[in-house]
Amino acid sequence: MGAIWFFISGLALMALLVWLLPNLPALRRRTVPRAARRSARRLHEVHGPARVRAATELLASLTTDGHGMAIAQVWADIELPLIAALPDCPPADKPRLVAVLNAAADVCPHRDTAKSIMAVRNSLG
């Protein structure tokens, strides 16, 4: 009889963990370095070529540090502002942006995010 209660309590504990872990925003926030979160907020404050440069620097730093999960989380915040700033991107900055986007897509573990990064990269020509 004790083994049944042990089994049932184990199942209940596993069900609680399965429900609880995705709902804890603190766990998700910890995967993005604090400096990257500040850079992502700064990206929304600048406009035009400065926004493109800020996004390039942010993605480059995350890529060189190997923060694939952070790239996946930050990309959701910076994708639309980056797309809005692409027409203002100076031609001299485009090759570095293309290289950084390629590297970020390679490091990113989420397939859909990597596809989205490559779609932005392909729009640069």
Protein backbone atom coordinates (compact mmCIF):
# COMPACT_ATOMS: atom_id res chain seq x y z
CA MET A 1 0.00 0.00 0.00
CA GLY A 2 2.90 2.37 0.76
CA ALA A 3 4.37 1.83 -2.71
CA ILE A 4 1.14 3.00 -4.35
CA TRP A 5 1.12 6.24 -2.35
CA PHE A 6 4.79 6.76 -3.17
CA PHE A 7 4.04 6.26 -6.88
CA ILE A 8 1.00 8.59 -6.83
CA SER A 9 2.89 11.32 -4.96
CA GLY A 10 5.77 11.01 -7.45
CA LEU A 11 3.36 11.46 -10.36
CA ALA A 12 1.77 14.47 -8.67
CA LEU A 13 5.19 16.01 -8.07
CA MET A 14 6.19 15.48 -11.71
CA ALA A 15 2.90 17.00 -12.92
CA LEU A 16 3.48 20.02 -10.68
CA LEU A 17 7.00 20.49 -12.05
CA VAL A 18 5.83 20.17 -15.65
CA TRP A 19 3.23 22.88 -15.03
CA LEU A 20 5.43 25.11 -12.89
CA LEU A 21 8.70 25.31 -14.81
CA PRO A 22 7.42 26.99 -17.99
CA ASN A 23 5.43 29.45 -15.90
CA LEU A 24 8.37 30.83 -13.94
CA PRO A 25 9.54 33.97 -15.74
CA ALA A 26 12.56 34.22 -13.46
CA LEU A 27 13.97 31.04 -14.97
CA ARG A 28 13.57 32.40 -18.48
CA ARG A 29 15.15 35.73 -17.57
CA ARG A 30 18.27 34.12 -16.17
CA THR A 31 19.27 32.69 -19.54
CA VAL A 32 19.70 36.18 -21.00
CA PRO A 33 22.73 38.02 -19.59
CA ARG A 34 21.96 41.30 -17.85
CA ALA A 35 24.08 43.29 -20.33
CA ALA A 36 22.14 41.77 -23.23
CA ARG A 37 18.83 42.78 -21.65
CA ARG A 38 20.11 46.36 -21.27
CA SER A 39 21.29 46.37 -24.89
CA ALA A 40 17.91 45.10 -26.07
CA ARG A 41 16.15 47.91 -24.17
CA ARG A 42 18.62 50.44 -25.60
CA LEU A 43 17.83 49.18 -29.08
CA HIS A 44 14.26 50.47 -28.69
CA GLU A 45 15.54 53.92 -27.70
CA VAL A 46 17.75 54.57 -30.72
CA HIS A 47 16.66 54.96 -34.33
CA GLY A 48 17.99 54.53 -37.85
CA PRO A 49 21.57 53.41 -38.38
CA ALA A 50 22.27 53.50 -34.63
CA ARG A 51 19.57 50.85 -34.12
CA VAL A 52 21.14 48.61 -36.75
CA ARG A 53 24.56 49.01 -35.13
CA ALA A 54 23.13 48.29 -31.67
CA ALA A 55 21.43 45.13 -32.92
CA THR A 56 24.62 44.04 -34.66
CA GLU A 57 26.68 44.54 -31.51
CA LEU A 58 24.12 42.75 -29.34
CA LEU A 59 23.90 39.71 -31.61
CA ALA A 60 27.67 39.65 -32.08
CA SER A 61 28.30 39.59 -28.34
CA LEU A 62 25.73 36.85 -27.74
CA THR A 63 27.10 34.82 -30.64
CA THR A 64 30.74 35.02 -29.59
CA ASP A 65 29.80 34.07 -26.02
CA GLY A 66 27.75 31.11 -27.29
CA HIS A 67 24.45 32.22 -25.74
CA GLY A 68 22.14 30.45 -28.19
CA MET A 69 19.15 30.45 -25.85
CA ALA A 70 19.65 34.15 -25.17
CA ILE A 71 19.64 34.84 -28.91
CA ALA A 72 16.33 33.03 -29.22
CA GLN A 73 14.80 35.08 -26.42
CA VAL A 74 16.27 38.44 -27.44
CA TRP A 75 15.36 38.00 -31.11
CA ALA A 76 11.65 38.20 -30.29
CA ASP A 77 12.26 41.68 -28.84
CA ILE A 78 14.61 43.08 -31.47
CA GLU A 79 13.32 41.59 -34.72
CA LEU A 80 10.66 44.18 -35.56
CA PRO A 81 12.73 47.24 -34.53
CA LEU A 82 15.63 45.89 -36.58
CA ILE A 83 13.41 45.32 -39.62
CA ALA A 84 12.07 48.87 -39.27
CA ALA A 85 15.61 50.26 -39.23
CA LEU A 86 16.98 48.22 -42.16
CA PRO A 87 16.13 50.83 -44.84
CA ASP A 88 18.37 53.29 -42.95
CA CYS A 89 21.26 50.82 -42.71
CA PRO A 90 24.40 52.27 -44.30
CA PRO A 91 25.81 50.08 -47.09
CA ALA A 92 29.12 49.85 -45.22
CA ASP A 93 27.40 48.20 -42.23
CA LYS A 94 25.50 45.55 -44.23
CA PRO A 95 28.34 43.01 -44.65
CA ARG A 96 28.98 42.90 -40.89
CA LEU A 97 25.25 42.63 -40.17
CA VAL A 98 24.96 39.75 -42.66
CA ALA A 99 27.90 37.94 -41.04
CA VAL A 100 26.49 38.44 -37.54
CA LEU A 101 23.03 37.25 -38.58
CA ASN A 102 24.58 34.13 -40.17
CA ALA A 103 26.54 33.39 -37.02
CA ALA A 104 23.51 34.02 -34.78
CA ALA A 105 21.36 31.66 -36.84
CA ASP A 106 24.06 28.98 -36.56
CA VAL A 107 24.27 29.32 -32.76
CA CYS A 108 20.52 29.61 -32.13
CA PRO A 109 19.02 26.28 -30.95
CA HIS A 110 15.43 27.14 -31.94
CA ARG A 111 14.74 26.28 -35.55
CA ASP A 112 11.91 28.81 -36.03
CA THR A 113 14.01 31.63 -34.59
CA ALA A 114 16.97 30.65 -36.77
CA LYS A 115 14.67 30.68 -39.82
CA SER A 116 13.42 34.13 -38.85
CA ILE A 117 16.99 35.40 -38.47
CA MET A 118 17.87 33.99 -41.90
CA ALA A 119 14.77 35.61 -43.44
CA VAL A 120 15.99 39.01 -42.22
CA ARG A 121 19.48 38.17 -43.46
CA ASN A 122 18.13 37.19 -46.90
CA SER A 123 16.23 40.47 -47.13
CA LEU A 124 19.55 42.31 -47.06
CA GLY A 125 20.53 40.81 -50.39
